[in-house]
Amino acid sequence: MYLYWELKYKSTTQLLLAAVLIIFIFKIVPMAYECFKGKTYIVTGAASGMGRAISIKLARQGANVGLVDLNNPDHVLAEIEQFGGKATSVSANVQHASEVDAAFKTVVEKFGRLDGAANMAGTVGSLKLGETKLAMEVLKDEDWDFLLATNLNGVKNAVRAELQLMSGSSSLVNAASVSGQLACPFNSPYGAGKFGVIGITKSVAQEVASKGIRINAVAP
C-alpha cells in the first residue's frame, strides 16, 4: 500500500523509467536467497502471469515448487526442469476444495514437506472490469458467483489446505488487489472478492502467528 500511494503521484514517464531501471538492475545483479534452498512451496495460478513468474523465481533459488493451476502447468514445469530446477505440476480448480486438498497432498507426498505458498489463482471473468454489465442493478448472479468462487473461495480453500499441511516457520502470500482497497464503479464482484482476501489474510494472520506461520497479501 505504501508503494501505491508513493507512485500514484508520479508521471507515466517517471514510472516507465523506474520500471526499466528495476528490470535492468535485476537482470545484471541476479539476487540469490539461500533460505529457499531445499524448501517446498505451492503456487496456485502457476500456468501464467504472476504465478508463473513466482514459480520460476522460487525454482531458480533452489526451492521445490508445486505448480497448481486449472490449466495444466506442464509448460512451466518444462521451463523449470530446463535449468535444473525441481517442480511438479498438478491440475486443480481452486473453486473446489476437494481438488485443492488432493493437489496439495500430491505436492507434499512428492517433496515431503510444505514451507510456504503463493496463492495467485484469480480471474476477472468473461467481462472486462469497469463494464456497465457489472453495474449492480443489472449484475447477473452467475457473474457474481463465478468471480467470488475463484477469487475469494479459492483463496479460502487454498489457505485452509496449506495450514493443514504446514508447521512452524512457514509463510503464505495471497493475491489481493488495489481493487480490494479502493472502491471502483462497475467492479463490485471483483472488488468484493479482493476486499475479502485482505480480510481473510488479516484474520488468519492473527490465528496462526503463535505457530510461527506468517501470512500476507500483495495488492497489485
C-alpha atoms as a PDB file:
ATOM      1  CA  MET A   1       0.000   0.000   0.000  1.00  0.00           C
ATOM      2  CA  TYR A   2       2.869   2.334   0.824  1.00  0.00           C
ATOM      3  CA  LEU A   3       4.314   1.794  -2.645  1.00  0.00           C
ATOM      4  CA  TYR A   4       0.956   2.512  -4.259  1.00  0.00           C
ATOM      5  CA  TRP A   5       0.491   5.849  -2.508  1.00  0.00           C
ATOM      6  CA  GLU A   6       4.043   6.867  -3.313  1.00  0.00           C
ATOM      7  CA  LEU A   7       3.750   6.029  -7.003  1.00  0.00           C
ATOM      8  CA  LYS A   8       0.314   7.363  -7.841  1.00  0.00           C
ATOM      9  CA  TYR A   9       1.544  10.949  -7.969  1.00  0.00           C
ATOM     10  CA  LYS A  10       4.355  10.225 -10.422  1.00  0.00           C
ATOM     11  CA  SER A  11       4.072  10.824 -14.150  1.00  0.00           C
ATOM     12  CA  THR A  12       3.754   7.950 -16.605  1.00  0.00           C
ATOM     13  CA  THR A  13       7.235   8.704 -17.957  1.00  0.00           C
ATOM     14  CA  GLN A  14       8.749   8.556 -14.473  1.00  0.00           C
ATOM     15  CA  LEU A  15       7.039   5.236 -13.759  1.00  0.00           C
ATOM     16  CA  LEU A  16       8.241   3.730 -17.036  1.00  0.00           C
ATOM     17  CA  LEU A  17      11.805   4.856 -16.365  1.00  0.00           C
ATOM     18  CA  ALA A  18      11.656   3.430 -12.847  1.00  0.00           C
ATOM     19  CA  ALA A  19      10.340   0.102 -14.176  1.00  0.00           C
ATOM     20  CA  VAL A  20      13.104  -0.114 -16.805  1.00  0.00           C
ATOM     21  CA  LEU A  21      15.727   0.674 -14.151  1.00  0.00           C
ATOM     22  CA  ILE A  22      14.400  -2.001 -11.784  1.00  0.00           C
ATOM     23  CA  ILE A  23      14.362  -4.618 -14.566  1.00  0.00           C
ATOM     24  CA  PHE A  24      17.896  -3.620 -15.631  1.00  0.00           C
ATOM     25  CA  ILE A  25      19.221  -3.899 -12.060  1.00  0.00           C
ATOM     26  CA  PHE A  26      17.659  -7.319 -11.519  1.00  0.00           C
ATOM     27  CA  LYS A  27      18.989  -8.540 -14.873  1.00  0.00           C
ATOM     28  CA  ILE A  28      22.590  -7.596 -14.180  1.00  0.00           C
ATOM     29  CA  VAL A  29      22.546  -8.288 -10.439  1.00  0.00           C
ATOM     30  CA  PRO A  30      20.611 -11.541 -10.005  1.00  0.00           C
ATOM     31  CA  MET A  31      19.617 -11.954  -6.370  1.00  0.00           C
ATOM     32  CA  ALA A  32      20.124 -15.249  -4.550  1.00  0.00           C
ATOM     33  CA  TYR A  33      18.406 -16.272  -1.346  1.00  0.00           C
ATOM     34  CA  GLU A  34      19.894 -19.320   0.345  1.00  0.00           C
ATOM     35  CA  CYS A  35      16.860 -19.582   2.634  1.00  0.00           C
ATOM     36  CA  PHE A  36      14.756 -21.070  -0.180  1.00  0.00           C
ATOM     37  CA  LYS A  37      17.061 -23.993  -0.950  1.00  0.00           C
ATOM     38  CA  GLY A  38      15.503 -27.386  -0.328  1.00  0.00           C
ATOM     39  CA  LYS A  39      12.205 -25.943   0.871  1.00  0.00           C
ATOM     40  CA  THR A  40       8.857 -26.649  -0.765  1.00  0.00           C
ATOM     41  CA  TYR A  41       6.358 -24.057  -1.957  1.00  0.00           C
ATOM     42  CA  ILE A  42       2.981 -24.326  -3.632  1.00  0.00           C
ATOM     43  CA  VAL A  43       1.970 -21.734  -6.214  1.00  0.00           C
ATOM     44  CA  THR A  44      -1.615 -21.545  -7.449  1.00  0.00           C
ATOM     45  CA  GLY A  45      -2.278 -19.899 -10.781  1.00  0.00           C
ATOM     46  CA  ALA A  46       1.144 -21.187 -11.789  1.00  0.00           C
ATOM     47  CA  ALA A  47       0.423 -21.542 -15.507  1.00  0.00           C
ATOM     48  CA  SER A  48       0.724 -17.844 -16.321  1.00  0.00           C
ATOM     49  CA  GLY A  49       1.289 -14.304 -15.108  1.00  0.00           C
ATOM     50  CA  MET A  50       2.459 -13.700 -11.559  1.00  0.00           C
ATOM     51  CA  GLY A  51       2.060 -17.369 -10.660  1.00  0.00           C
ATOM     52  CA  ARG A  52       4.409 -18.493 -13.418  1.00  0.00           C
ATOM     53  CA  ALA A  53       6.964 -15.779 -12.601  1.00  0.00           C
ATOM     54  CA  ILE A  54       6.952 -16.637  -8.895  1.00  0.00           C
ATOM     55  CA  SER A  55       7.278 -20.354  -9.628  1.00  0.00           C
ATOM     56  CA  ILE A  56      10.313 -19.869 -11.853  1.00  0.00           C
ATOM     57  CA  LYS A  57      11.935 -17.466  -9.380  1.00  0.00           C
ATOM     58  CA  LEU A  58      11.473 -19.903  -6.483  1.00  0.00           C
ATOM     59  CA  ALA A  59      12.869 -22.786  -8.524  1.00  0.00           C
ATOM     60  CA  ARG A  60      15.921 -20.718  -9.500  1.00  0.00           C
ATOM     61  CA  GLN A  61      16.543 -20.132  -5.793  1.00  0.00           C
ATOM     62  CA  GLY A  62      16.679 -23.900  -5.221  1.00  0.00           C
ATOM     63  CA  ALA A  63      13.158 -24.440  -3.916  1.00  0.00           C
ATOM     64  CA  ASN A  64      10.894 -27.363  -4.758  1.00  0.00           C
ATOM     65  CA  VAL A  65       7.772 -25.936  -6.397  1.00  0.00           C
ATOM     66  CA  GLY A  66       4.279 -27.387  -6.595  1.00  0.00           C
ATOM     67  CA  LEU A  67       2.714 -25.866  -9.713  1.00  0.00           C
ATOM     68  CA  VAL A  68      -1.080 -25.807  -9.395  1.00  0.00           C
ATOM     69  CA  ASP A  69      -3.450 -24.391 -11.989  1.00  0.00           C
ATOM     70  CA  LEU A  70      -6.813 -25.018 -13.639  1.00  0.00           C
ATOM     71  CA  ASN A  71      -4.909 -25.167 -16.928  1.00  0.00           C
ATOM     72  CA  ASN A  72      -2.247 -27.857 -16.828  1.00  0.00           C
ATOM     73  CA  PRO A  73       1.031 -26.075 -15.942  1.00  0.00           C
ATOM     74  CA  ASP A  74       3.286 -28.680 -17.584  1.00  0.00           C
ATOM     75  CA  HIS A  75       4.862 -25.989 -19.789  1.00  0.00           C
ATOM     76  CA  VAL A  76       6.090 -24.169 -16.672  1.00  0.00           C
ATOM     77  CA  LEU A  77       7.378 -27.465 -15.296  1.00  0.00           C
ATOM     78  CA  ALA A  78       9.347 -27.915 -18.536  1.00  0.00           C
ATOM     79  CA  GLU A  79      10.826 -24.402 -18.195  1.00  0.00           C
ATOM     80  CA  ILE A  80      11.954 -25.163 -14.657  1.00  0.00           C
ATOM     81  CA  GLU A  81      13.398 -28.561 -15.491  1.00  0.00           C
ATOM     82  CA  GLN A  82      15.320 -26.969 -18.377  1.00  0.00           C
ATOM     83  CA  PHE A  83      17.563 -25.090 -15.938  1.00  0.00           C
ATOM     84  CA  GLY A  84      17.758 -27.973 -13.462  1.00  0.00           C
ATOM     85  CA  GLY A  85      15.049 -26.824 -11.077  1.00  0.00           C
ATOM     86  CA  LYS A  86      12.728 -29.129  -9.155  1.00  0.00           C
ATOM     87  CA  ALA A  87       8.955 -28.943  -9.510  1.00  0.00           C
ATOM     88  CA  THR A  88       5.797 -30.933 -10.056  1.00  0.00           C
ATOM     89  CA  SER A  89       2.634 -29.869 -11.871  1.00  0.00           C
ATOM     90  CA  VAL A  90      -0.936 -30.615 -10.822  1.00  0.00           C
ATOM     91  CA  SER A  91      -4.234 -29.508 -12.349  1.00  0.00           C
ATOM     92  CA  ALA A  92      -6.882 -28.282  -9.913  1.00  0.00           C
ATOM     93  CA  ASN A  93      -9.800 -25.874  -9.865  1.00  0.00           C
ATOM     94  CA  VAL A  94      -9.410 -23.722  -6.747  1.00  0.00           C
ATOM     95  CA  GLN A  95     -13.194 -23.276  -6.643  1.00  0.00           C
ATOM     96  CA  HIS A  96     -13.455 -26.896  -5.446  1.00  0.00           C
ATOM     97  CA  ALA A  97     -11.973 -27.679  -2.032  1.00  0.00           C
ATOM     98  CA  SER A  98     -11.644 -31.410  -2.774  1.00  0.00           C
ATOM     99  CA  GLU A  99      -9.468 -30.720  -5.831  1.00  0.00           C
ATOM    100  CA  VAL A 100      -7.304 -28.276  -3.890  1.00  0.00           C
ATOM    101  CA  ASP A 101      -6.841 -30.738  -0.996  1.00  0.00           C
ATOM    102  CA  ALA A 102      -5.862 -33.552  -3.364  1.00  0.00           C
ATOM    103  CA  ALA A 103      -3.457 -31.393  -5.396  1.00  0.00           C
ATOM    104  CA  PHE A 104      -1.649 -30.051  -2.345  1.00  0.00           C
ATOM    105  CA  LYS A 105      -1.323 -33.509  -0.807  1.00  0.00           C
ATOM    106  CA  THR A 106       0.236 -34.701  -4.085  1.00  0.00           C
ATOM    107  CA  VAL A 107       2.892 -31.982  -3.808  1.00  0.00           C
ATOM    108  CA  VAL A 108       3.690 -32.838  -0.179  1.00  0.00           C
ATOM    109  CA  GLU A 109       3.836 -36.565  -0.940  1.00  0.00           C
ATOM    110  CA  LYS A 110       6.434 -35.842  -3.633  1.00  0.00           C
ATOM    111  CA  PHE A 111       8.651 -33.435  -1.694  1.00  0.00           C
ATOM    112  CA  GLY A 112       7.911 -34.460   1.889  1.00  0.00           C
ATOM    113  CA  ARG A 113       7.062 -31.040   3.330  1.00  0.00           C
ATOM    114  CA  LEU A 114       5.395 -27.676   2.781  1.00  0.00           C
ATOM    115  CA  ASP A 115       7.163 -24.479   3.804  1.00  0.00           C
ATOM    116  CA  GLY A 116       5.098 -21.833   2.100  1.00  0.00           C
ATOM    117  CA  ALA A 117       2.736 -20.879  -0.680  1.00  0.00           C
ATOM    118  CA  ALA A 118       1.787 -18.108  -3.081  1.00  0.00           C
ATOM    119  CA  ASN A 119      -1.947 -18.155  -3.758  1.00  0.00           C
ATOM    120  CA  MET A 120      -2.067 -16.322  -7.075  1.00  0.00           C
ATOM    121  CA  ALA A 121      -5.029 -18.031  -8.790  1.00  0.00           C
ATOM    122  CA  GLY A 122      -7.646 -15.472  -9.770  1.00  0.00           C
ATOM    123  CA  THR A 123      -9.812 -14.214 -12.602  1.00  0.00           C
ATOM    124  CA  VAL A 124     -11.605 -11.137 -13.905  1.00  0.00           C
ATOM    125  CA  GLY A 125     -14.217 -13.348 -15.560  1.00  0.00           C
ATOM    126  CA  SER A 126     -15.580 -13.093 -19.079  1.00  0.00           C
ATOM    127  CA  LEU A 127     -16.358  -9.382 -18.799  1.00  0.00           C
ATOM    128  CA  LYS A 128     -13.817  -6.580 -18.590  1.00  0.00           C
ATOM    129  CA  LEU A 129     -13.666  -4.810 -15.246  1.00  0.00           C
ATOM    130  CA  GLY A 130     -15.479  -1.493 -15.453  1.00  0.00           C
ATOM    131  CA  GLU A 131     -18.071  -2.693 -17.981  1.00  0.00           C
ATOM    132  CA  THR A 132     -21.561  -1.407 -17.278  1.00  0.00           C
ATOM    133  CA  LYS A 133     -22.784  -5.018 -17.396  1.00  0.00           C
ATOM    134  CA  LEU A 134     -21.168  -5.334 -13.958  1.00  0.00           C
ATOM    135  CA  ALA A 135     -23.317  -2.492 -12.560  1.00  0.00           C
ATOM    136  CA  MET A 136     -25.174  -3.818  -9.509  1.00  0.00           C
ATOM    137  CA  GLU A 137     -28.627  -3.072 -10.916  1.00  0.00           C
ATOM    138  CA  VAL A 138     -28.050  -5.412 -13.887  1.00  0.00           C
ATOM    139  CA  LEU A 139     -25.434  -7.777 -12.429  1.00  0.00           C
ATOM    140  CA  LYS A 140     -26.106 -11.438 -13.191  1.00  0.00           C
ATOM    141  CA  ASP A 141     -25.819 -13.924 -10.347  1.00  0.00           C
ATOM    142  CA  GLU A 142     -23.617 -16.200 -12.437  1.00  0.00           C
ATOM    143  CA  ASP A 143     -21.037 -13.425 -12.944  1.00  0.00           C
ATOM    144  CA  TRP A 144     -21.012 -12.613  -9.228  1.00  0.00           C
ATOM    145  CA  ASP A 145     -20.862 -16.266  -8.180  1.00  0.00           C
ATOM    146  CA  PHE A 146     -18.077 -17.172 -10.603  1.00  0.00           C
ATOM    147  CA  LEU A 147     -15.794 -14.315  -9.546  1.00  0.00           C
ATOM    148  CA  LEU A 148     -16.341 -14.888  -5.824  1.00  0.00           C
ATOM    149  CA  ALA A 149     -15.917 -18.662  -6.209  1.00  0.00           C
ATOM    150  CA  THR A 150     -12.453 -18.180  -7.702  1.00  0.00           C
ATOM    151  CA  ASN A 151     -11.107 -15.005  -6.137  1.00  0.00           C
ATOM    152  CA  LEU A 152     -12.438 -15.431  -2.597  1.00  0.00           C
ATOM    153  CA  ASN A 153     -13.470 -19.054  -2.031  1.00  0.00           C
ATOM    154  CA  GLY A 154     -10.415 -20.171  -3.999  1.00  0.00           C
ATOM    155  CA  VAL A 155      -8.113 -18.370  -1.577  1.00  0.00           C
ATOM    156  CA  LYS A 156     -10.055 -19.773   1.383  1.00  0.00           C
ATOM    157  CA  ASN A 157      -9.732 -23.304   0.005  1.00  0.00           C
ATOM    158  CA  ALA A 158      -6.008 -22.875  -0.613  1.00  0.00           C
ATOM    159  CA  VAL A 159      -5.169 -21.287   2.745  1.00  0.00           C
ATOM    160  CA  ARG A 160      -7.126 -23.888   4.707  1.00  0.00           C
ATOM    161  CA  ALA A 161      -5.455 -26.780   2.893  1.00  0.00           C
ATOM    162  CA  GLU A 162      -1.992 -25.233   3.281  1.00  0.00           C
ATOM    163  CA  LEU A 163      -2.384 -24.650   7.009  1.00  0.00           C
ATOM    164  CA  GLN A 164      -3.315 -28.303   7.467  1.00  0.00           C
ATOM    165  CA  LEU A 165      -0.039 -29.328   5.814  1.00  0.00           C
ATOM    166  CA  MET A 166       2.313 -26.775   7.401  1.00  0.00           C
ATOM    167  CA  SER A 167       4.168 -26.492  10.657  1.00  0.00           C
ATOM    168  CA  GLY A 168       6.041 -23.526  12.166  1.00  0.00           C
ATOM    169  CA  SER A 169       8.332 -21.103  10.331  1.00  0.00           C
ATOM    170  CA  SER A 170       6.135 -21.114   7.239  1.00  0.00           C
ATOM    171  CA  SER A 171       4.836 -18.297   5.077  1.00  0.00           C
ATOM    172  CA  LEU A 172       1.790 -17.690   2.876  1.00  0.00           C
ATOM    173  CA  VAL A 173       1.177 -14.883   0.392  1.00  0.00           C
ATOM    174  CA  ASN A 174      -2.274 -14.183  -1.064  1.00  0.00           C
ATOM    175  CA  ALA A 175      -3.066 -12.183  -4.197  1.00  0.00           C
ATOM    176  CA  ALA A 176      -5.319  -9.260  -3.275  1.00  0.00           C
ATOM    177  CA  SER A 177      -5.553  -6.097  -5.378  1.00  0.00           C
ATOM    178  CA  VAL A 178      -5.749  -2.334  -5.214  1.00  0.00           C
ATOM    179  CA  SER A 179      -9.410  -3.063  -6.050  1.00  0.00           C
ATOM    180  CA  GLY A 180      -9.605  -4.573  -2.566  1.00  0.00           C
ATOM    181  CA  GLN A 181      -8.524  -1.261  -1.045  1.00  0.00           C
ATOM    182  CA  LEU A 182     -10.117   1.371  -3.269  1.00  0.00           C
ATOM    183  CA  ALA A 183     -13.694   1.009  -4.486  1.00  0.00           C
ATOM    184  CA  CYS A 184     -14.268   1.356  -8.237  1.00  0.00           C
ATOM    185  CA  PRO A 185     -17.546   1.620 -10.166  1.00  0.00           C
ATOM    186  CA  PHE A 186     -18.820  -1.386 -12.140  1.00  0.00           C
ATOM    187  CA  ASN A 187     -16.417  -3.589 -10.229  1.00  0.00           C
ATOM    188  CA  SER A 188     -18.325  -4.873  -7.215  1.00  0.00           C
ATOM    189  CA  PRO A 189     -17.882  -8.653  -7.722  1.00  0.00           C
ATOM    190  CA  TYR A 190     -14.125  -8.408  -8.289  1.00  0.00           C
ATOM    191  CA  GLY A 191     -13.673  -5.756  -5.620  1.00  0.00           C
ATOM    192  CA  ALA A 192     -15.718  -7.716  -3.076  1.00  0.00           C
ATOM    193  CA  GLY A 193     -13.545 -10.765  -3.652  1.00  0.00           C
ATOM    194  CA  LYS A 194     -10.327  -8.824  -3.194  1.00  0.00           C
ATOM    195  CA  PHE A 195     -11.611  -6.953  -0.132  1.00  0.00           C
ATOM    196  CA  GLY A 196     -12.436 -10.433   1.188  1.00  0.00           C
ATOM    197  CA  VAL A 197      -8.931 -11.728   0.510  1.00  0.00           C
ATOM    198  CA  ILE A 198      -7.495  -8.907   2.599  1.00  0.00           C
ATOM    199  CA  GLY A 199      -9.984  -9.737   5.351  1.00  0.00           C
ATOM    200  CA  ILE A 200      -9.060 -13.430   5.303  1.00  0.00           C
ATOM    201  CA  THR A 201      -5.374 -12.555   5.382  1.00  0.00           C
ATOM    202  CA  LYS A 202      -5.648 -10.189   8.345  1.00  0.00           C
ATOM    203  CA  SER A 203      -7.856 -12.548  10.343  1.00  0.00           C
ATOM    204  CA  VAL A 204      -5.870 -15.734   9.718  1.00  0.00           C
ATOM    205  CA  ALA A 205      -2.580 -13.936  10.394  1.00  0.00           C
ATOM    206  CA  GLN A 206      -3.737 -13.432  13.974  1.00  0.00           C
ATOM    207  CA  GLU A 207      -4.863 -17.046  14.275  1.00  0.00           C
ATOM    208  CA  VAL A 208      -1.553 -18.609  13.220  1.00  0.00           C
ATOM    209  CA  ALA A 209       1.097 -16.116  14.365  1.00  0.00           C
ATOM    210  CA  SER A 210       1.700 -18.052  17.586  1.00  0.00           C
ATOM    211  CA  LYS A 211       2.515 -21.131  15.476  1.00  0.00           C
ATOM    212  CA  GLY A 212       5.286 -19.284  13.628  1.00  0.00           C
ATOM    213  CA  ILE A 213       3.261 -19.069  10.393  1.00  0.00           C
ATOM    214  CA  ARG A 214       3.237 -15.725   8.575  1.00  0.00           C
ATOM    215  CA  ILE A 215       0.504 -14.716   6.140  1.00  0.00           C
ATOM    216  CA  ASN A 216       0.491 -11.588   3.988  1.00  0.00           C
ATOM    217  CA  ALA A 217      -1.238 -10.236   0.913  1.00  0.00           C
ATOM    218  CA  VAL A 218       0.060  -8.305  -2.097  1.00  0.00           C
ATOM    219  CA  ALA A 219      -2.103  -5.747  -3.864  1.00  0.00           C
ATOM    220  CA  PRO A 220      -1.060  -5.215  -7.487  1.00  0.00           C
END
